[in-house]
């Protein structure tokens, strides 16, 4: 239901949680 690797843009996708909680890739 989610891919952890989107949380910090590891494979190129920085999703809403990445943008809000990590401040970007």
PDBML (XML) file of the C-alpha atoms, coordinates in Angstrom:
<?xml version="1.0" encoding="UTF-8" ?>
<PDBx:datablock datablockName="MODEL"
   xmlns:PDBx="http://pdbml.pdb.org/schema/pdbx-v50.xsd"
   xmlns:xsi="http://www.w3.org/2001/XMLSchema-instance"
   xsi:schemaLocation="http://pdbml.pdb.org/schema/pdbx-v50.xsd pdbx-v50.xsd">
   <PDBx:atom_siteCategory>
      <PDBx:atom_site id="1">
         <PDBx:B_iso_or_equiv>0.00</PDBx:B_iso_or_equiv>
         <PDBx:Cartn_x>0.000</PDBx:Cartn_x>
         <PDBx:Cartn_y>0.000</PDBx:Cartn_y>
         <PDBx:Cartn_z>0.000</PDBx:Cartn_z>
         <PDBx:auth_asym_id>A</PDBx:auth_asym_id>
         <PDBx:auth_atom_id>CA</PDBx:auth_atom_id>
         <PDBx:auth_comp_id>UNK</PDBx:auth_comp_id>
         <PDBx:auth_seq_id>1</PDBx:auth_seq_id>
         <PDBx:group_PDB>ATOM</PDBx:group_PDB>
         <PDBx:label_alt_id xsi:nil="true" />
         <PDBx:label_asym_id>A</PDBx:label_asym_id>
         <PDBx:label_atom_id>CA</PDBx:label_atom_id>
         <PDBx:label_comp_id>UNK</PDBx:label_comp_id>
         <PDBx:label_entity_id>1</PDBx:label_entity_id>
         <PDBx:label_seq_id>1</PDBx:label_seq_id>
         <PDBx:occupancy>1.00</PDBx:occupancy>
         <PDBx:pdbx_PDB_model_num>1</PDBx:pdbx_PDB_model_num>
         <PDBx:type_symbol>C</PDBx:type_symbol>
      </PDBx:atom_site>
      <PDBx:atom_site id="2">
         <PDBx:B_iso_or_equiv>0.00</PDBx:B_iso_or_equiv>
         <PDBx:Cartn_x>3.095</PDBx:Cartn_x>
         <PDBx:Cartn_y>2.220</PDBx:Cartn_y>
         <PDBx:Cartn_z>0.004</PDBx:Cartn_z>
         <PDBx:auth_asym_id>A</PDBx:auth_asym_id>
         <PDBx:auth_atom_id>CA</PDBx:auth_atom_id>
         <PDBx:auth_comp_id>UNK</PDBx:auth_comp_id>
         <PDBx:auth_seq_id>2</PDBx:auth_seq_id>
         <PDBx:group_PDB>ATOM</PDBx:group_PDB>
         <PDBx:label_alt_id xsi:nil="true" />
         <PDBx:label_asym_id>A</PDBx:label_asym_id>
         <PDBx:label_atom_id>CA</PDBx:label_atom_id>
         <PDBx:label_comp_id>UNK</PDBx:label_comp_id>
         <PDBx:label_entity_id>1</PDBx:label_entity_id>
         <PDBx:label_seq_id>2</PDBx:label_seq_id>
         <PDBx:occupancy>1.00</PDBx:occupancy>
         <PDBx:pdbx_PDB_model_num>1</PDBx:pdbx_PDB_model_num>
         <PDBx:type_symbol>C</PDBx:type_symbol>
      </PDBx:atom_site>
      <PDBx:atom_site id="3">
         <PDBx:B_iso_or_equiv>0.00</PDBx:B_iso_or_equiv>
         <PDBx:Cartn_x>6.740</PDBx:Cartn_x>
         <PDBx:Cartn_y>1.973</PDBx:Cartn_y>
         <PDBx:Cartn_z>-1.024</PDBx:Cartn_z>
         <PDBx:auth_asym_id>A</PDBx:auth_asym_id>
         <PDBx:auth_atom_id>CA</PDBx:auth_atom_id>
         <PDBx:auth_comp_id>UNK</PDBx:auth_comp_id>
         <PDBx:auth_seq_id>3</PDBx:auth_seq_id>
         <PDBx:group_PDB>ATOM</PDBx:group_PDB>
         <PDBx:label_alt_id xsi:nil="true" />
         <PDBx:label_asym_id>A</PDBx:label_asym_id>
         <PDBx:label_atom_id>CA</PDBx:label_atom_id>
         <PDBx:label_comp_id>UNK</PDBx:label_comp_id>
         <PDBx:label_entity_id>1</PDBx:label_entity_id>
         <PDBx:label_seq_id>3</PDBx:label_seq_id>
         <PDBx:occupancy>1.00</PDBx:occupancy>
         <PDBx:pdbx_PDB_model_num>1</PDBx:pdbx_PDB_model_num>
         <PDBx:type_symbol>C</PDBx:type_symbol>
      </PDBx:atom_site>
      <PDBx:atom_site id="4">
         <PDBx:B_iso_or_equiv>0.00</PDBx:B_iso_or_equiv>
         <PDBx:Cartn_x>9.137</PDBx:Cartn_x>
         <PDBx:Cartn_y>3.085</PDBx:Cartn_y>
         <PDBx:Cartn_z>1.700</PDBx:Cartn_z>
         <PDBx:auth_asym_id>A</PDBx:auth_asym_id>
         <PDBx:auth_atom_id>CA</PDBx:auth_atom_id>
         <PDBx:auth_comp_id>UNK</PDBx:auth_comp_id>
         <PDBx:auth_seq_id>4</PDBx:auth_seq_id>
         <PDBx:group_PDB>ATOM</PDBx:group_PDB>
         <PDBx:label_alt_id xsi:nil="true" />
         <PDBx:label_asym_id>A</PDBx:label_asym_id>
         <PDBx:label_atom_id>CA</PDBx:label_atom_id>
         <PDBx:label_comp_id>UNK</PDBx:label_comp_id>
         <PDBx:label_entity_id>1</PDBx:label_entity_id>
         <PDBx:label_seq_id>4</PDBx:label_seq_id>
         <PDBx:occupancy>1.00</PDBx:occupancy>
         <PDBx:pdbx_PDB_model_num>1</PDBx:pdbx_PDB_model_num>
         <PDBx:type_symbol>C</PDBx:type_symbol>
      </PDBx:atom_site>
      <PDBx:atom_site id="5">
         <PDBx:B_iso_or_equiv>0.00</PDBx:B_iso_or_equiv>
         <PDBx:Cartn_x>11.683</PDBx:Cartn_x>
         <PDBx:Cartn_y>4.112</PDBx:Cartn_y>
         <PDBx:Cartn_z>-0.960</PDBx:Cartn_z>
         <PDBx:auth_asym_id>A</PDBx:auth_asym_id>
         <PDBx:auth_atom_id>CA</PDBx:auth_atom_id>
         <PDBx:auth_comp_id>UNK</PDBx:auth_comp_id>
         <PDBx:auth_seq_id>5</PDBx:auth_seq_id>
         <PDBx:group_PDB>ATOM</PDBx:group_PDB>
         <PDBx:label_alt_id xsi:nil="true" />
         <PDBx:label_asym_id>A</PDBx:label_asym_id>
         <PDBx:label_atom_id>CA</PDBx:label_atom_id>
         <PDBx:label_comp_id>UNK</PDBx:label_comp_id>
         <PDBx:label_entity_id>1</PDBx:label_entity_id>
         <PDBx:label_seq_id>5</PDBx:label_seq_id>
         <PDBx:occupancy>1.00</PDBx:occupancy>
         <PDBx:pdbx_PDB_model_num>1</PDBx:pdbx_PDB_model_num>
         <PDBx:type_symbol>C</PDBx:type_symbol>
      </PDBx:atom_site>
      <PDBx:atom_site id="6">
         <PDBx:B_iso_or_equiv>0.00</PDBx:B_iso_or_equiv>
         <PDBx:Cartn_x>9.363</PDBx:Cartn_x>
         <PDBx:Cartn_y>6.958</PDBx:Cartn_y>
         <PDBx:Cartn_z>-2.009</PDBx:Cartn_z>
         <PDBx:auth_asym_id>A</PDBx:auth_asym_id>
         <PDBx:auth_atom_id>CA</PDBx:auth_atom_id>
         <PDBx:auth_comp_id>UNK</PDBx:auth_comp_id>
         <PDBx:auth_seq_id>6</PDBx:auth_seq_id>
         <PDBx:group_PDB>ATOM</PDBx:group_PDB>
         <PDBx:label_alt_id xsi:nil="true" />
         <PDBx:label_asym_id>A</PDBx:label_asym_id>
         <PDBx:label_atom_id>CA</PDBx:label_atom_id>
         <PDBx:label_comp_id>UNK</PDBx:label_comp_id>
         <PDBx:label_entity_id>1</PDBx:label_entity_id>
         <PDBx:label_seq_id>6</PDBx:label_seq_id>
         <PDBx:occupancy>1.00</PDBx:occupancy>
         <PDBx:pdbx_PDB_model_num>1</PDBx:pdbx_PDB_model_num>
         <PDBx:type_symbol>C</PDBx:type_symbol>
      </PDBx:atom_site>
      <PDBx:atom_site id="7">
         <PDBx:B_iso_or_equiv>0.00</PDBx:B_iso_or_equiv>
         <PDBx:Cartn_x>9.878</PDBx:Cartn_x>
         <PDBx:Cartn_y>8.579</PDBx:Cartn_y>
         <PDBx:Cartn_z>1.397</PDBx:Cartn_z>
         <PDBx:auth_asym_id>A</PDBx:auth_asym_id>
         <PDBx:auth_atom_id>CA</PDBx:auth_atom_id>
         <PDBx:auth_comp_id>UNK</PDBx:auth_comp_id>
         <PDBx:auth_seq_id>7</PDBx:auth_seq_id>
         <PDBx:group_PDB>ATOM</PDBx:group_PDB>
         <PDBx:label_alt_id xsi:nil="true" />
         <PDBx:label_asym_id>A</PDBx:label_asym_id>
         <PDBx:label_atom_id>CA</PDBx:label_atom_id>
         <PDBx:label_comp_id>UNK</PDBx:label_comp_id>
         <PDBx:label_entity_id>1</PDBx:label_entity_id>
         <PDBx:label_seq_id>7</PDBx:label_seq_id>
         <PDBx:occupancy>1.00</PDBx:occupancy>
         <PDBx:pdbx_PDB_model_num>1</PDBx:pdbx_PDB_model_num>
         <PDBx:type_symbol>C</PDBx:type_symbol>
      </PDBx:atom_site>
      <PDBx:atom_site id="8">
         <PDBx:B_iso_or_equiv>0.00</PDBx:B_iso_or_equiv>
         <PDBx:Cartn_x>13.279</PDBx:Cartn_x>
         <PDBx:Cartn_y>9.957</PDBx:Cartn_y>
         <PDBx:Cartn_z>0.443</PDBx:Cartn_z>
         <PDBx:auth_asym_id>A</PDBx:auth_asym_id>
         <PDBx:auth_atom_id>CA</PDBx:auth_atom_id>
         <PDBx:auth_comp_id>UNK</PDBx:auth_comp_id>
         <PDBx:auth_seq_id>8</PDBx:auth_seq_id>
         <PDBx:group_PDB>ATOM</PDBx:group_PDB>
         <PDBx:label_alt_id xsi:nil="true" />
         <PDBx:label_asym_id>A</PDBx:label_asym_id>
         <PDBx:label_atom_id>CA</PDBx:label_atom_id>
         <PDBx:label_comp_id>UNK</PDBx:label_comp_id>
         <PDBx:label_entity_id>1</PDBx:label_entity_id>
         <PDBx:label_seq_id>8</PDBx:label_seq_id>
         <PDBx:occupancy>1.00</PDBx:occupancy>
         <PDBx:pdbx_PDB_model_num>1</PDBx:pdbx_PDB_model_num>
         <PDBx:type_symbol>C</PDBx:type_symbol>
      </PDBx:atom_site>
      <PDBx:atom_site id="9">
         <PDBx:B_iso_or_equiv>0.00</PDBx:B_iso_or_equiv>
         <PDBx:Cartn_x>13.271</PDBx:Cartn_x>
         <PDBx:Cartn_y>9.642</PDBx:Cartn_y>
         <PDBx:Cartn_z>-3.326</PDBx:Cartn_z>
         <PDBx:auth_asym_id>A</PDBx:auth_asym_id>
         <PDBx:auth_atom_id>CA</PDBx:auth_atom_id>
         <PDBx:auth_comp_id>UNK</PDBx:auth_comp_id>
         <PDBx:auth_seq_id>9</PDBx:auth_seq_id>
         <PDBx:group_PDB>ATOM</PDBx:group_PDB>
         <PDBx:label_alt_id xsi:nil="true" />
         <PDBx:label_asym_id>A</PDBx:label_asym_id>
         <PDBx:label_atom_id>CA</PDBx:label_atom_id>
         <PDBx:label_comp_id>UNK</PDBx:label_comp_id>
         <PDBx:label_entity_id>1</PDBx:label_entity_id>
         <PDBx:label_seq_id>9</PDBx:label_seq_id>
         <PDBx:occupancy>1.00</PDBx:occupancy>
         <PDBx:pdbx_PDB_model_num>1</PDBx:pdbx_PDB_model_num>
         <PDBx:type_symbol>C</PDBx:type_symbol>
      </PDBx:atom_site>
      <PDBx:atom_site id="10">
         <PDBx:B_iso_or_equiv>0.00</PDBx:B_iso_or_equiv>
         <PDBx:Cartn_x>15.644</PDBx:Cartn_x>
         <PDBx:Cartn_y>6.670</PDBx:Cartn_y>
         <PDBx:Cartn_z>-3.403</PDBx:Cartn_z>
         <PDBx:auth_asym_id>A</PDBx:auth_asym_id>
         <PDBx:auth_atom_id>CA</PDBx:auth_atom_id>
         <PDBx:auth_comp_id>UNK</PDBx:auth_comp_id>
         <PDBx:auth_seq_id>10</PDBx:auth_seq_id>
         <PDBx:group_PDB>ATOM</PDBx:group_PDB>
         <PDBx:label_alt_id xsi:nil="true" />
         <PDBx:label_asym_id>A</PDBx:label_asym_id>
         <PDBx:label_atom_id>CA</PDBx:label_atom_id>
         <PDBx:label_comp_id>UNK</PDBx:label_comp_id>
         <PDBx:label_entity_id>1</PDBx:label_entity_id>
         <PDBx:label_seq_id>10</PDBx:label_seq_id>
         <PDBx:occupancy>1.00</PDBx:occupancy>
         <PDBx:pdbx_PDB_model_num>1</PDBx:pdbx_PDB_model_num>
         <PDBx:type_symbol>C</PDBx:type_symbol>
      </PDBx:atom_site>
      <PDBx:atom_site id="11">
         <PDBx:B_iso_or_equiv>0.00</PDBx:B_iso_or_equiv>
         <PDBx:Cartn_x>14.459</PDBx:Cartn_x>
         <PDBx:Cartn_y>5.548</PDBx:Cartn_y>
         <PDBx:Cartn_z>-6.853</PDBx:Cartn_z>
         <PDBx:auth_asym_id>A</PDBx:auth_asym_id>
         <PDBx:auth_atom_id>CA</PDBx:auth_atom_id>
         <PDBx:auth_comp_id>UNK</PDBx:auth_comp_id>
         <PDBx:auth_seq_id>11</PDBx:auth_seq_id>
         <PDBx:group_PDB>ATOM</PDBx:group_PDB>
         <PDBx:label_alt_id xsi:nil="true" />
         <PDBx:label_asym_id>A</PDBx:label_asym_id>
         <PDBx:label_atom_id>CA</PDBx:label_atom_id>
         <PDBx:label_comp_id>UNK</PDBx:label_comp_id>
         <PDBx:label_entity_id>1</PDBx:label_entity_id>
         <PDBx:label_seq_id>11</PDBx:label_seq_id>
         <PDBx:occupancy>1.00</PDBx:occupancy>
         <PDBx:pdbx_PDB_model_num>1</PDBx:pdbx_PDB_model_num>
         <PDBx:type_symbol>C</PDBx:type_symbol>
      </PDBx:atom_site>
      <PDBx:atom_site id="12">
         <PDBx:B_iso_or_equiv>0.00</PDBx:B_iso_or_equiv>
         <PDBx:Cartn_x>13.298</PDBx:Cartn_x>
         <PDBx:Cartn_y>8.928</PDBx:Cartn_y>
         <PDBx:Cartn_z>-8.127</PDBx:Cartn_z>
         <PDBx:auth_asym_id>A</PDBx:auth_asym_id>
         <PDBx:auth_atom_id>CA</PDBx:auth_atom_id>
         <PDBx:auth_comp_id>UNK</PDBx:auth_comp_id>
         <PDBx:auth_seq_id>12</PDBx:auth_seq_id>
         <PDBx:group_PDB>ATOM</PDBx:group_PDB>
         <PDBx:label_alt_id xsi:nil="true" />
         <PDBx:label_asym_id>A</PDBx:label_asym_id>
         <PDBx:label_atom_id>CA</PDBx:label_atom_id>
         <PDBx:label_comp_id>UNK</PDBx:label_comp_id>
         <PDBx:label_entity_id>1</PDBx:label_entity_id>
         <PDBx:label_seq_id>12</PDBx:label_seq_id>
         <PDBx:occupancy>1.00</PDBx:occupancy>
         <PDBx:pdbx_PDB_model_num>1</PDBx:pdbx_PDB_model_num>
         <PDBx:type_symbol>C</PDBx:type_symbol>
      </PDBx:atom_site>
      <PDBx:atom_site id="13">
         <PDBx:B_iso_or_equiv>0.00</PDBx:B_iso_or_equiv>
         <PDBx:Cartn_x>9.802</PDBx:Cartn_x>
         <PDBx:Cartn_y>9.304</PDBx:Cartn_y>
         <PDBx:Cartn_z>-6.637</PDBx:Cartn_z>
         <PDBx:auth_asym_id>A</PDBx:auth_asym_id>
         <PDBx:auth_atom_id>CA</PDBx:auth_atom_id>
         <PDBx:auth_comp_id>UNK</PDBx:auth_comp_id>
         <PDBx:auth_seq_id>13</PDBx:auth_seq_id>
         <PDBx:group_PDB>ATOM</PDBx:group_PDB>
         <PDBx:label_alt_id xsi:nil="true" />
         <PDBx:label_asym_id>A</PDBx:label_asym_id>
         <PDBx:label_atom_id>CA</PDBx:label_atom_id>
         <PDBx:label_comp_id>UNK</PDBx:label_comp_id>
         <PDBx:label_entity_id>1</PDBx:label_entity_id>
         <PDBx:label_seq_id>13</PDBx:label_seq_id>
         <PDBx:occupancy>1.00</PDBx:occupancy>
         <PDBx:pdbx_PDB_model_num>1</PDBx:pdbx_PDB_model_num>
         <PDBx:type_symbol>C</PDBx:type_symbol>
      </PDBx:atom_site>
      <PDBx:atom_site id="14">
         <PDBx:B_iso_or_equiv>0.00</PDBx:B_iso_or_equiv>
         <PDBx:Cartn_x>9.455</PDBx:Cartn_x>
         <PDBx:Cartn_y>11.776</PDBx:Cartn_y>
         <PDBx:Cartn_z>-3.756</PDBx:Cartn_z>
         <PDBx:auth_asym_id>A</PDBx:auth_asym_id>
         <PDBx:auth_atom_id>CA</PDBx:auth_atom_id>
         <PDBx:auth_comp_id>UNK</PDBx:auth_comp_id>
         <PDBx:auth_seq_id>14</PDBx:auth_seq_id>
         <PDBx:group_PDB>ATOM</PDBx:group_PDB>
         <PDBx:label_alt_id xsi:nil="true" />
         <PDBx:label_asym_id>A</PDBx:label_asym_id>
         <PDBx:label_atom_id>CA</PDBx:label_atom_id>
         <PDBx:label_comp_id>UNK</PDBx:label_comp_id>
         <PDBx:label_entity_id>1</PDBx:label_entity_id>
         <PDBx:label_seq_id>14</PDBx:label_seq_id>
         <PDBx:occupancy>1.00</PDBx:occupancy>
         <PDBx:pdbx_PDB_model_num>1</PDBx:pdbx_PDB_model_num>
         <PDBx:type_symbol>C</PDBx:type_symbol>
      </PDBx:atom_site>
      <PDBx:atom_site id="15">
         <PDBx:B_iso_or_equiv>0.00</PDBx:B_iso_or_equiv>
         <PDBx:Cartn_x>5.813</PDBx:Cartn_x>
         <PDBx:Cartn_y>11.495</PDBx:Cartn_y>
         <PDBx:Cartn_z>-2.732</PDBx:Cartn_z>
         <PDBx:auth_asym_id>A</PDBx:auth_asym_id>
         <PDBx:auth_atom_id>CA</PDBx:auth_atom_id>
         <PDBx:auth_comp_id>UNK</PDBx:auth_comp_id>
         <PDBx:auth_seq_id>15</PDBx:auth_seq_id>
         <PDBx:group_PDB>ATOM</PDBx:group_PDB>
         <PDBx:label_alt_id xsi:nil="true" />
         <PDBx:label_asym_id>A</PDBx:label_asym_id>
         <PDBx:label_atom_id>CA</PDBx:label_atom_id>
         <PDBx:label_comp_id>UNK</PDBx:label_comp_id>
         <PDBx:label_entity_id>1</PDBx:label_entity_id>
         <PDBx:label_seq_id>15</PDBx:label_seq_id>
         <PDBx:occupancy>1.00</PDBx:occupancy>
         <PDBx:pdbx_PDB_model_num>1</PDBx:pdbx_PDB_model_num>
         <PDBx:type_symbol>C</PDBx:type_symbol>
      </PDBx:atom_site>
      <PDBx:atom_site id="16">
         <PDBx:B_iso_or_equiv>0.00</PDBx:B_iso_or_equiv>
         <PDBx:Cartn_x>3.684</PDBx:Cartn_x>
         <PDBx:Cartn_y>13.662</PDBx:Cartn_y>
         <PDBx:Cartn_z>-0.423</PDBx:Cartn_z>
         <PDBx:auth_asym_id>A</PDBx:auth_asym_id>
         <PDBx:auth_atom_id>CA</PDBx:auth_atom_id>
         <PDBx:auth_comp_id>UNK</PDBx:auth_comp_id>
         <PDBx:auth_seq_id>16</PDBx:auth_seq_id>
         <PDBx:group_PDB>ATOM</PDBx:group_PDB>
         <PDBx:label_alt_id xsi:nil="true" />
         <PDBx:label_asym_id>A</PDBx:label_asym_id>
         <PDBx:label_atom_id>CA</PDBx:label_atom_id>
         <PDBx:label_comp_id>UNK</PDBx:label_comp_id>
         <PDBx:label_entity_id>1</PDBx:label_entity_id>
         <PDBx:label_seq_id>16</PDBx:label_seq_id>
         <PDBx:occupancy>1.00</PDBx:occupancy>
         <PDBx:pdbx_PDB_model_num>1</PDBx:pdbx_PDB_model_num>
         <PDBx:type_symbol>C</PDBx:type_symbol>
      </PDBx:atom_site>
      <PDBx:atom_site id="17">
         <PDBx:B_iso_or_equiv>0.00</PDBx:B_iso_or_equiv>
         <PDBx:Cartn_x>5.186</PDBx:Cartn_x>
         <PDBx:Cartn_y>12.106</PDBx:Cartn_y>
         <PDBx:Cartn_z>2.724</PDBx:Cartn_z>
         <PDBx:auth_asym_id>A</PDBx:auth_asym_id>
         <PDBx:auth_atom_id>CA</PDBx:auth_atom_id>
         <PDBx:auth_comp_id>UNK</PDBx:auth_comp_id>
         <PDBx:auth_seq_id>17</PDBx:auth_seq_id>
         <PDBx:group_PDB>ATOM</PDBx:group_PDB>
         <PDBx:label_alt_id xsi:nil="true" />
         <PDBx:label_asym_id>A</PDBx:label_asym_id>
         <PDBx:label_atom_id>CA</PDBx:label_atom_id>
         <PDBx:label_comp_id>UNK</PDBx:label_comp_id>
         <PDBx:label_entity_id>1</PDBx:label_entity_id>
         <PDBx:label_seq_id>17</PDBx:label_seq_id>
         <PDBx:occupancy>1.00</PDBx:occupancy>
         <PDBx:pdbx_PDB_model_num>1</PDBx:pdbx_PDB_model_num>
         <PDBx:type_symbol>C</PDBx:type_symbol>
      </PDBx:atom_site>
      <PDBx:atom_site id="18">
         <PDBx:B_iso_or_equiv>0.00</PDBx:B_iso_or_equiv>
         <PDBx:Cartn_x>8.689</PDBx:Cartn_x>
         <PDBx:Cartn_y>12.676</PDBx:Cartn_y>
         <PDBx:Cartn_z>1.366</PDBx:Cartn_z>
         <PDBx:auth_asym_id>A</PDBx:auth_asym_id>
         <PDBx:auth_atom_id>CA</PDBx:auth_atom_id>
         <PDBx:auth_comp_id>UNK</PDBx:auth_comp_id>
         <PDBx:auth_seq_id>18</PDBx:auth_seq_id>
         <PDBx:group_PDB>ATOM</PDBx:group_PDB>
         <PDBx:label_alt_id xsi:nil="true" />
         <PDBx:label_asym_id>A</PDBx:label_asym_id>
         <PDBx:label_atom_id>CA</PDBx:label_atom_id>
         <PDBx:label_comp_id>UNK</PDBx:label_comp_id>
         <PDBx:label_entity_id>1</PDBx:label_entity_id>
         <PDBx:label_seq_id>18</PDBx:label_seq_id>
         <PDBx:occupancy>1.00</PDBx:occupancy>
         <PDBx:pdbx_PDB_model_num>1</PDBx:pdbx_PDB_model_num>
         <PDBx:type_symbol>C</PDBx:type_symbol>
      </PDBx:atom_site>
      <PDBx:atom_site id="19">
         <PDBx:B_iso_or_equiv>0.00</PDBx:B_iso_or_equiv>
         <PDBx:Cartn_x>7.893</PDBx:Cartn_x>
         <PDBx:Cartn_y>16.314</PDBx:Cartn_y>
         <PDBx:Cartn_z>0.669</PDBx:Cartn_z>
         <PDBx:auth_asym_id>A</PDBx:auth_asym_id>
         <PDBx:auth_atom_id>CA</PDBx:auth_atom_id>
         <PDBx:auth_comp_id>UNK</PDBx:auth_comp_id>
         <PDBx:auth_seq_id>19</PDBx:auth_seq_id>
         <PDBx:group_PDB>ATOM</PDBx:group_PDB>
         <PDBx:label_alt_id xsi:nil="true" />
         <PDBx:label_asym_id>A</PDBx:label_asym_id>
         <PDBx:label_atom_id>CA</PDBx:label_atom_id>
         <PDBx:label_comp_id>UNK</PDBx:label_comp_id>
         <PDBx:label_entity_id>1</PDBx:label_entity_id>
         <PDBx:label_seq_id>19</PDBx:label_seq_id>
         <PDBx:occupancy>1.00</PDBx:occupancy>
         <PDBx:pdbx_PDB_model_num>1</PDBx:pdbx_PDB_model_num>
         <PDBx:type_symbol>C</PDBx:type_symbol>
      </PDBx:atom_site>
      <PDBx:atom_site id="20">
         <PDBx:B_iso_or_equiv>0.00</PDBx:B_iso_or_equiv>
         <PDBx:Cartn_x>6.256</PDBx:Cartn_x>
         <PDBx:Cartn_y>16.944</PDBx:Cartn_y>
         <PDBx:Cartn_z>4.047</PDBx:Cartn_z>
         <PDBx:auth_asym_id>A</PDBx:auth_asym_id>
         <PDBx:auth_atom_id>CA</PDBx:auth_atom_id>
         <PDBx:auth_comp_id>UNK</PDBx:auth_comp_id>
         <PDBx:auth_seq_id>20</PDBx:auth_seq_id>
         <PDBx:group_PDB>ATOM</PDBx:group_PDB>
         <PDBx:label_alt_id xsi:nil="true" />
         <PDBx:label_asym_id>A</PDBx:label_asym_id>
         <PDBx:label_atom_id>CA</PDBx:label_atom_id>
         <PDBx:label_comp_id>UNK</PDBx:label_comp_id>
         <PDBx:label_entity_id>1</PDBx:label_entity_id>
         <PDBx:label_seq_id>20</PDBx:label_seq_id>
         <PDBx:occupancy>1.00</PDBx:occupancy>
         <PDBx:pdbx_PDB_model_num>1</PDBx:pdbx_PDB_model_num>
         <PDBx:type_symbol>C</PDBx:type_symbol>
      </PDBx:atom_site>
      <PDBx:atom_site id="21">
         <PDBx:B_iso_or_equiv>0.00</PDBx:B_iso_or_equiv>
         <PDBx:Cartn_x>8.421</PDBx:Cartn_x>
         <PDBx:Cartn_y>14.918</PDBx:Cartn_y>
         <PDBx:Cartn_z>6.412</PDBx:Cartn_z>
         <PDBx:auth_asym_id>A</PDBx:auth_asym_id>
         <PDBx:auth_atom_id>CA</PDBx:auth_atom_id>
         <PDBx:auth_comp_id>UNK</PDBx:auth_comp_id>
         <PDBx:auth_seq_id>21</PDBx:auth_seq_id>
         <PDBx:group_PDB>ATOM</PDBx:group_PDB>
         <PDBx:label_alt_id xsi:nil="true" />
         <PDBx:label_asym_id>A</PDBx:label_asym_id>
         <PDBx:label_atom_id>CA</PDBx:label_atom_id>
         <PDBx:label_comp_id>UNK</PDBx:label_comp_id>
         <PDBx:label_entity_id>1</PDBx:label_entity_id>
         <PDBx:label_seq_id>21</PDBx:label_seq_id>
         <PDBx:occupancy>1.00</PDBx:occupancy>
         <PDBx:pdbx_PDB_model_num>1</PDBx:pdbx_PDB_model_num>
         <PDBx:type_symbol>C</PDBx:type_symbol>
      </PDBx:atom_site>
      <PDBx:atom_site id="22">
         <PDBx:B_iso_or_equiv>0.00</PDBx:B_iso_or_equiv>
         <PDBx:Cartn_x>11.796</PDBx:Cartn_x>
         <PDBx:Cartn_y>14.666</PDBx:Cartn_y>
         <PDBx:Cartn_z>4.678</PDBx:Cartn_z>
         <PDBx:auth_asym_id>A</PDBx:auth_asym_id>
         <PDBx:auth_atom_id>CA</PDBx:auth_atom_id>
         <PDBx:auth_comp_id>UNK</PDBx:auth_comp_id>
         <PDBx:auth_seq_id>22</PDBx:auth_seq_id>
         <PDBx:group_PDB>ATOM</PDBx:group_PDB>
         <PDBx:label_alt_id xsi:nil="true" />
         <PDBx:label_asym_id>A</PDBx:label_asym_id>
         <PDBx:label_atom_id>CA</PDBx:label_atom_id>
         <PDBx:label_comp_id>UNK</PDBx:label_comp_id>
         <PDBx:label_entity_id>1</PDBx:label_entity_id>
         <PDBx:label_seq_id>22</PDBx:label_seq_id>
         <PDBx:occupancy>1.00</PDBx:occupancy>
         <PDBx:pdbx_PDB_model_num>1</PDBx:pdbx_PDB_model_num>
         <PDBx:type_symbol>C</PDBx:type_symbol>
      </PDBx:atom_site>
      <PDBx:atom_site id="23">
         <PDBx:B_iso_or_equiv>0.00</PDBx:B_iso_or_equiv>
         <PDBx:Cartn_x>11.884</PDBx:Cartn_x>
         <PDBx:Cartn_y>18.028</PDBx:Cartn_y>
         <PDBx:Cartn_z>2.934</PDBx:Cartn_z>
         <PDBx:auth_asym_id>A</PDBx:auth_asym_id>
         <PDBx:auth_atom_id>CA</PDBx:auth_atom_id>
         <PDBx:auth_comp_id>UNK</PDBx:auth_comp_id>
         <PDBx:auth_seq_id>23</PDBx:auth_seq_id>
         <PDBx:group_PDB>ATOM</PDBx:group_PDB>
         <PDBx:label_alt_id xsi:nil="true" />
         <PDBx:label_asym_id>A</PDBx:label_asym_id>
         <PDBx:label_atom_id>CA</PDBx:label_atom_id>
         <PDBx:label_comp_id>UNK</PDBx:label_comp_id>
         <PDBx:label_entity_id>1</PDBx:label_entity_id>
         <PDBx:label_seq_id>23</PDBx:label_seq_id>
         <PDBx:occupancy>1.00</PDBx:occupancy>
         <PDBx:pdbx_PDB_model_num>1</PDBx:pdbx_PDB_model_num>
         <PDBx:type_symbol>C</PDBx:type_symbol>
      </PDBx:atom_site>
      <PDBx:atom_site id="24">
         <PDBx:B_iso_or_equiv>0.00</PDBx:B_iso_or_equiv>
         <PDBx:Cartn_x>12.705</PDBx:Cartn_x>
         <PDBx:Cartn_y>16.443</PDBx:Cartn_y>
         <PDBx:Cartn_z>-0.404</PDBx:Cartn_z>
         <PDBx:auth_asym_id>A</PDBx:auth_asym_id>
         <PDBx:auth_atom_id>CA</PDBx:auth_atom_id>
         <PDBx:auth_comp_id>UNK</PDBx:auth_comp_id>
         <PDBx:auth_seq_id>24</PDBx:auth_seq_id>
         <PDBx:group_PDB>ATOM</PDBx:group_PDB>
         <PDBx:label_alt_id xsi:nil="true" />
         <PDBx:label_asym_id>A</PDBx:label_asym_id>
         <PDBx:label_atom_id>CA</PDBx:label_atom_id>
         <PDBx:label_comp_id>UNK</PDBx:label_comp_id>
         <PDBx:label_entity_id>1</PDBx:label_entity_id>
         <PDBx:label_seq_id>24</PDBx:label_seq_id>
         <PDBx:occupancy>1.00</PDBx:occupancy>
         <PDBx:pdbx_PDB_model_num>1</PDBx:pdbx_PDB_model_num>
         <PDBx:type_symbol>C</PDBx:type_symbol>
      </PDBx:atom_site>
      <PDBx:atom_site id="25">
         <PDBx:B_iso_or_equiv>0.00</PDBx:B_iso_or_equiv>
         <PDBx:Cartn_x>14.748</PDBx:Cartn_x>
         <PDBx:Cartn_y>13.580</PDBx:Cartn_y>
         <PDBx:Cartn_z>-1.825</PDBx:Cartn_z>
         <PDBx:auth_asym_id>A</PDBx:auth_asym_id>
         <PDBx:auth_atom_id>CA</PDBx:auth_atom_id>
         <PDBx:auth_comp_id>UNK</PDBx:auth_comp_id>
         <PDBx:auth_seq_id>25</PDBx:auth_seq_id>
         <PDBx:group_PDB>ATOM</PDBx:group_PDB>
         <PDBx:label_alt_id xsi:nil="true" />
         <PDBx:label_asym_id>A</PDBx:label_asym_id>
         <PDBx:label_atom_id>CA</PDBx:label_atom_id>
         <PDBx:label_comp_id>UNK</PDBx:label_comp_id>
         <PDBx:label_entity_id>1</PDBx:label_entity_id>
         <PDBx:label_seq_id>25</PDBx:label_seq_id>
         <PDBx:occupancy>1.00</PDBx:occupancy>
         <PDBx:pdbx_PDB_model_num>1</PDBx:pdbx_PDB_model_num>
         <PDBx:type_symbol>C</PDBx:type_symbol>
      </PDBx:atom_site>
   </PDBx:atom_siteCategory>
</PDBx:datablock>
